[in-house]
Amino acid sequence: MMTLKHEVSIAADVETVWRTLSDLLAVKQHNPSVVSVRILTDKTTGIGAARRCEMRTKDWVEEKVWAFDPPHVIGLEVAASSWPVAFMKWRTELRPDGRNTLVKQEMNYKLKFGVLGLLLDKLVMRRKLDASIQEVFERLKLHVENARP
């Protein structure tokens, strides 16, 4: 299993950052890969809530909330997708950091295709996924900080 870790400090309080991260539809506002998103469940928040994202690449992903501890922890996992992943799950934690909020995420994933998947990860996927998540974190920071009154 592969692990990626990211963090960003956002000039806003925990509750402000939490409102964006816990809103499953808001992913479109800070993830440039997402062109549309819709809720798949009766629940719009909390454990068991799920969404489907359509991506710019014409790929799609369905994600389900597995951890929810407002306003500090949200965890999502890929329930289904067009991506070559056998498993993908991440936990995002928010902590006060002076006047800012420190957002930390750990993602674990495994690609399909056995040894070929390991090679694909080493040659391409890990770098692309790491860069993509870093961009999402930068956009999240800009979105939250620019939305503040």
C-alpha atoms as a PDB file:
ATOM      1  CA  MET A   1       0.000   0.000   0.000  1.00  0.00           C
ATOM      2  CA  MET A   2       1.208   3.501  -0.837  1.00  0.00           C
ATOM      3  CA  THR A   3       0.887   6.555   1.427  1.00  0.00           C
ATOM      4  CA  LEU A   4       0.883  10.257   0.572  1.00  0.00           C
ATOM      5  CA  LYS A   5       0.919  13.018   3.185  1.00  0.00           C
ATOM      6  CA  HIS A   6       0.076  16.679   2.668  1.00  0.00           C
ATOM      7  CA  GLU A   7      -0.480  19.712   4.851  1.00  0.00           C
ATOM      8  CA  VAL A   8      -1.292  23.370   4.454  1.00  0.00           C
ATOM      9  CA  SER A   9      -1.776  26.284   6.842  1.00  0.00           C
ATOM     10  CA  ILE A  10      -4.884  28.340   6.080  1.00  0.00           C
ATOM     11  CA  ALA A  11      -5.439  31.849   7.443  1.00  0.00           C
ATOM     12  CA  ALA A  12      -8.873  31.087   8.875  1.00  0.00           C
ATOM     13  CA  ASP A  13     -10.310  29.451  11.972  1.00  0.00           C
ATOM     14  CA  VAL A  14     -11.061  25.730  12.139  1.00  0.00           C
ATOM     15  CA  GLU A  15     -14.845  26.184  11.793  1.00  0.00           C
ATOM     16  CA  THR A  16     -14.449  28.217   8.581  1.00  0.00           C
ATOM     17  CA  VAL A  17     -12.191  25.595   6.992  1.00  0.00           C
ATOM     18  CA  TRP A  18     -14.465  22.812   8.259  1.00  0.00           C
ATOM     19  CA  ARG A  19     -17.515  24.323   6.516  1.00  0.00           C
ATOM     20  CA  THR A  20     -15.770  23.952   3.166  1.00  0.00           C
ATOM     21  CA  LEU A  21     -14.258  20.499   3.749  1.00  0.00           C
ATOM     22  CA  SER A  22     -17.411  18.960   5.214  1.00  0.00           C
ATOM     23  CA  ASP A  23     -19.628  20.260   2.378  1.00  0.00           C
ATOM     24  CA  LEU A  24     -19.404  17.393  -0.105  1.00  0.00           C
ATOM     25  CA  LEU A  25     -20.600  19.605  -2.964  1.00  0.00           C
ATOM     26  CA  ALA A  26     -17.923  22.264  -2.301  1.00  0.00           C
ATOM     27  CA  VAL A  27     -15.151  20.049  -3.726  1.00  0.00           C
ATOM     28  CA  LYS A  28     -15.856  21.608  -7.132  1.00  0.00           C
ATOM     29  CA  GLN A  29     -14.818  25.009  -5.746  1.00  0.00           C
ATOM     30  CA  HIS A  30     -11.292  23.952  -4.781  1.00  0.00           C
ATOM     31  CA  ASN A  31     -10.485  20.873  -6.861  1.00  0.00           C
ATOM     32  CA  PRO A  32      -9.716  21.983 -10.431  1.00  0.00           C
ATOM     33  CA  SER A  33     -10.110  18.402 -11.722  1.00  0.00           C
ATOM     34  CA  VAL A  34     -13.807  18.240 -10.756  1.00  0.00           C
ATOM     35  CA  VAL A  35     -16.313  19.557 -13.319  1.00  0.00           C
ATOM     36  CA  SER A  36     -19.473  18.400 -11.565  1.00  0.00           C
ATOM     37  CA  VAL A  37     -20.478  16.775  -8.302  1.00  0.00           C
ATOM     38  CA  ARG A  38     -23.706  15.327  -6.956  1.00  0.00           C
ATOM     39  CA  ILE A  39     -24.776  13.664  -3.720  1.00  0.00           C
ATOM     40  CA  LEU A  40     -25.600   9.949  -4.049  1.00  0.00           C
ATOM     41  CA  THR A  41     -27.217   9.357  -0.657  1.00  0.00           C
ATOM     42  CA  ASP A  42     -30.090  10.742   1.393  1.00  0.00           C
ATOM     43  CA  LYS A  43     -27.443  11.996   3.815  1.00  0.00           C
ATOM     44  CA  THR A  44     -25.545  15.071   2.671  1.00  0.00           C
ATOM     45  CA  THR A  45     -23.060  15.005   5.537  1.00  0.00           C
ATOM     46  CA  GLY A  46     -21.632  12.611   8.089  1.00  0.00           C
ATOM     47  CA  ILE A  47     -20.610   8.971   7.966  1.00  0.00           C
ATOM     48  CA  GLY A  48     -22.196   7.186   5.030  1.00  0.00           C
ATOM     49  CA  ALA A  49     -22.787  10.316   2.918  1.00  0.00           C
ATOM     50  CA  ALA A  50     -21.518   9.824  -0.623  1.00  0.00           C
ATOM     51  CA  ARG A  51     -20.865  11.881  -3.736  1.00  0.00           C
ATOM     52  CA  ARG A  52     -20.022  11.318  -7.383  1.00  0.00           C
ATOM     53  CA  CYS A  53     -17.511  13.581  -9.091  1.00  0.00           C
ATOM     54  CA  GLU A  54     -17.164  13.886 -12.855  1.00  0.00           C
ATOM     55  CA  MET A  55     -13.621  14.859 -13.775  1.00  0.00           C
ATOM     56  CA  ARG A  56     -12.141  17.018 -16.546  1.00  0.00           C
ATOM     57  CA  THR A  57     -10.403  13.911 -17.884  1.00  0.00           C
ATOM     58  CA  LYS A  58     -13.832  12.263 -18.404  1.00  0.00           C
ATOM     59  CA  ASP A  59     -13.072   9.941 -15.488  1.00  0.00           C
ATOM     60  CA  TRP A  60     -15.463   9.655 -12.544  1.00  0.00           C
ATOM     61  CA  VAL A  61     -15.185   8.762  -8.894  1.00  0.00           C
ATOM     62  CA  GLU A  62     -17.700   7.927  -6.168  1.00  0.00           C
ATOM     63  CA  GLU A  63     -16.537   8.739  -2.648  1.00  0.00           C
ATOM     64  CA  LYS A  64     -18.044   7.858   0.709  1.00  0.00           C
ATOM     65  CA  VAL A  65     -17.462   9.448   4.129  1.00  0.00           C
ATOM     66  CA  TRP A  66     -16.037   6.901   6.603  1.00  0.00           C
ATOM     67  CA  ALA A  67     -14.858   9.264   9.381  1.00  0.00           C
ATOM     68  CA  PHE A  68     -16.613  12.382  10.640  1.00  0.00           C
ATOM     69  CA  ASP A  69     -15.720  14.238  13.836  1.00  0.00           C
ATOM     70  CA  PRO A  70     -16.763  17.905  13.450  1.00  0.00           C
ATOM     71  CA  PRO A  71     -14.932  20.222  13.201  1.00  0.00           C
ATOM     72  CA  HIS A  72     -11.665  18.299  13.229  1.00  0.00           C
ATOM     73  CA  VAL A  73     -11.720  15.114  11.125  1.00  0.00           C
ATOM     74  CA  ILE A  74     -13.263  13.966   7.874  1.00  0.00           C
ATOM     75  CA  GLY A  75     -12.298  10.786   6.072  1.00  0.00           C
ATOM     76  CA  LEU A  76     -13.341   9.681   2.602  1.00  0.00           C
ATOM     77  CA  GLU A  77     -12.757   6.571   0.553  1.00  0.00           C
ATOM     78  CA  VAL A  78     -13.244   5.671  -3.078  1.00  0.00           C
ATOM     79  CA  ALA A  79     -16.283   3.414  -3.331  1.00  0.00           C
ATOM     80  CA  ALA A  80     -16.124   3.105  -7.141  1.00  0.00           C
ATOM     81  CA  SER A  81     -14.276   4.825  -9.961  1.00  0.00           C
ATOM     82  CA  SER A  82     -12.940   4.639 -13.488  1.00  0.00           C
ATOM     83  CA  TRP A  83      -9.420   4.990 -12.055  1.00  0.00           C
ATOM     84  CA  PRO A  84      -7.019   2.035 -11.859  1.00  0.00           C
ATOM     85  CA  VAL A  85      -7.227   1.916  -8.052  1.00  0.00           C
ATOM     86  CA  ALA A  86      -8.060  -1.137  -5.992  1.00  0.00           C
ATOM     87  CA  PHE A  87      -8.216   0.950  -2.802  1.00  0.00           C
ATOM     88  CA  MET A  88      -8.019   4.631  -1.881  1.00  0.00           C
ATOM     89  CA  LYS A  89      -8.829   6.137   1.500  1.00  0.00           C
ATOM     90  CA  TRP A  90      -7.827   9.396   3.176  1.00  0.00           C
ATOM     91  CA  ARG A  91      -8.220  11.172   6.482  1.00  0.00           C
ATOM     92  CA  THR A  92      -8.082  14.957   6.748  1.00  0.00           C
ATOM     93  CA  GLU A  93      -7.488  16.576  10.118  1.00  0.00           C
ATOM     94  CA  LEU A  94      -7.915  20.243  11.074  1.00  0.00           C
ATOM     95  CA  ARG A  95      -6.029  21.747  14.018  1.00  0.00           C
ATOM     96  CA  PRO A  96      -5.811  25.293  15.335  1.00  0.00           C
ATOM     97  CA  ASP A  97      -2.403  26.806  14.626  1.00  0.00           C
ATOM     98  CA  GLY A  98      -2.407  30.238  16.223  1.00  0.00           C
ATOM     99  CA  ARG A  99      -4.850  32.277  14.126  1.00  0.00           C
ATOM    100  CA  ASN A 100      -4.588  29.776  11.299  1.00  0.00           C
ATOM    101  CA  THR A 101      -5.796  26.230  10.749  1.00  0.00           C
ATOM    102  CA  LEU A 102      -3.356  23.454   9.938  1.00  0.00           C
ATOM    103  CA  VAL A 103      -4.905  20.971   7.506  1.00  0.00           C
ATOM    104  CA  LYS A 104      -3.150  17.599   7.409  1.00  0.00           C
ATOM    105  CA  GLN A 105      -4.083  14.685   5.204  1.00  0.00           C
ATOM    106  CA  GLU A 106      -2.855  11.131   4.919  1.00  0.00           C
ATOM    107  CA  MET A 107      -3.960   9.096   1.904  1.00  0.00           C
ATOM    108  CA  ASN A 108      -3.447   5.369   1.473  1.00  0.00           C
ATOM    109  CA  TYR A 109      -3.985   3.711  -1.882  1.00  0.00           C
ATOM    110  CA  LYS A 110      -3.249   0.626  -3.909  1.00  0.00           C
ATOM    111  CA  LEU A 111      -3.411   0.337  -7.670  1.00  0.00           C
ATOM    112  CA  LYS A 112      -4.925  -2.534  -9.611  1.00  0.00           C
ATOM    113  CA  PHE A 113      -2.861  -4.835 -11.836  1.00  0.00           C
ATOM    114  CA  GLY A 114      -0.446  -6.286  -9.260  1.00  0.00           C
ATOM    115  CA  VAL A 115       3.212  -5.856 -10.229  1.00  0.00           C
ATOM    116  CA  LEU A 116       2.232  -3.804 -13.276  1.00  0.00           C
ATOM    117  CA  GLY A 117       0.297  -1.480 -10.948  1.00  0.00           C
ATOM    118  CA  LEU A 118       3.374  -1.084  -8.740  1.00  0.00           C
ATOM    119  CA  LEU A 119       5.412  -0.135 -11.803  1.00  0.00           C
ATOM    120  CA  LEU A 120       2.695   2.270 -12.978  1.00  0.00           C
ATOM    121  CA  ASP A 121       2.706   3.871  -9.524  1.00  0.00           C
ATOM    122  CA  LYS A 122       6.480   4.238  -9.481  1.00  0.00           C
ATOM    123  CA  LEU A 123       6.706   5.658 -13.013  1.00  0.00           C
ATOM    124  CA  VAL A 124       3.628   7.899 -13.198  1.00  0.00           C
ATOM    125  CA  MET A 125       0.767   7.638 -10.750  1.00  0.00           C
ATOM    126  CA  ARG A 126       2.435   8.614  -7.472  1.00  0.00           C
ATOM    127  CA  ARG A 127       3.917  11.811  -8.950  1.00  0.00           C
ATOM    128  CA  LYS A 128       0.658  12.780 -10.650  1.00  0.00           C
ATOM    129  CA  LEU A 129      -1.454  12.039  -7.582  1.00  0.00           C
ATOM    130  CA  ASP A 130       0.953  13.881  -5.285  1.00  0.00           C
ATOM    131  CA  ALA A 131       0.972  16.978  -7.552  1.00  0.00           C
ATOM    132  CA  SER A 132      -2.804  16.873  -7.894  1.00  0.00           C
ATOM    133  CA  ILE A 133      -3.381  16.759  -4.136  1.00  0.00           C
ATOM    134  CA  GLN A 134      -0.858  19.546  -3.599  1.00  0.00           C
ATOM    135  CA  GLU A 135      -2.780  21.686  -6.098  1.00  0.00           C
ATOM    136  CA  VAL A 136      -6.070  20.898  -4.350  1.00  0.00           C
ATOM    137  CA  PHE A 137      -4.553  22.006  -1.026  1.00  0.00           C
ATOM    138  CA  GLU A 138      -3.275  25.249  -2.574  1.00  0.00           C
ATOM    139  CA  ARG A 139      -6.693  25.920  -4.129  1.00  0.00           C
ATOM    140  CA  LEU A 140      -8.447  25.105  -0.842  1.00  0.00           C
ATOM    141  CA  LYS A 141      -6.235  27.658   0.899  1.00  0.00           C
ATOM    142  CA  LEU A 142      -7.014  30.321  -1.731  1.00  0.00           C
ATOM    143  CA  HIS A 143     -10.723  29.514  -1.720  1.00  0.00           C
ATOM    144  CA  VAL A 144     -11.126  29.710   2.060  1.00  0.00           C
ATOM    145  CA  GLU A 145      -8.914  32.749   2.532  1.00  0.00           C
ATOM    146  CA  ASN A 146     -10.571  34.690  -0.317  1.00  0.00           C
ATOM    147  CA  ALA A 147     -14.094  33.811   0.834  1.00  0.00           C
ATOM    148  CA  ARG A 148     -13.556  35.349   4.256  1.00  0.00           C
ATOM    149  CA  PRO A 149     -15.262  38.690   4.958  1.00  0.00           C
END
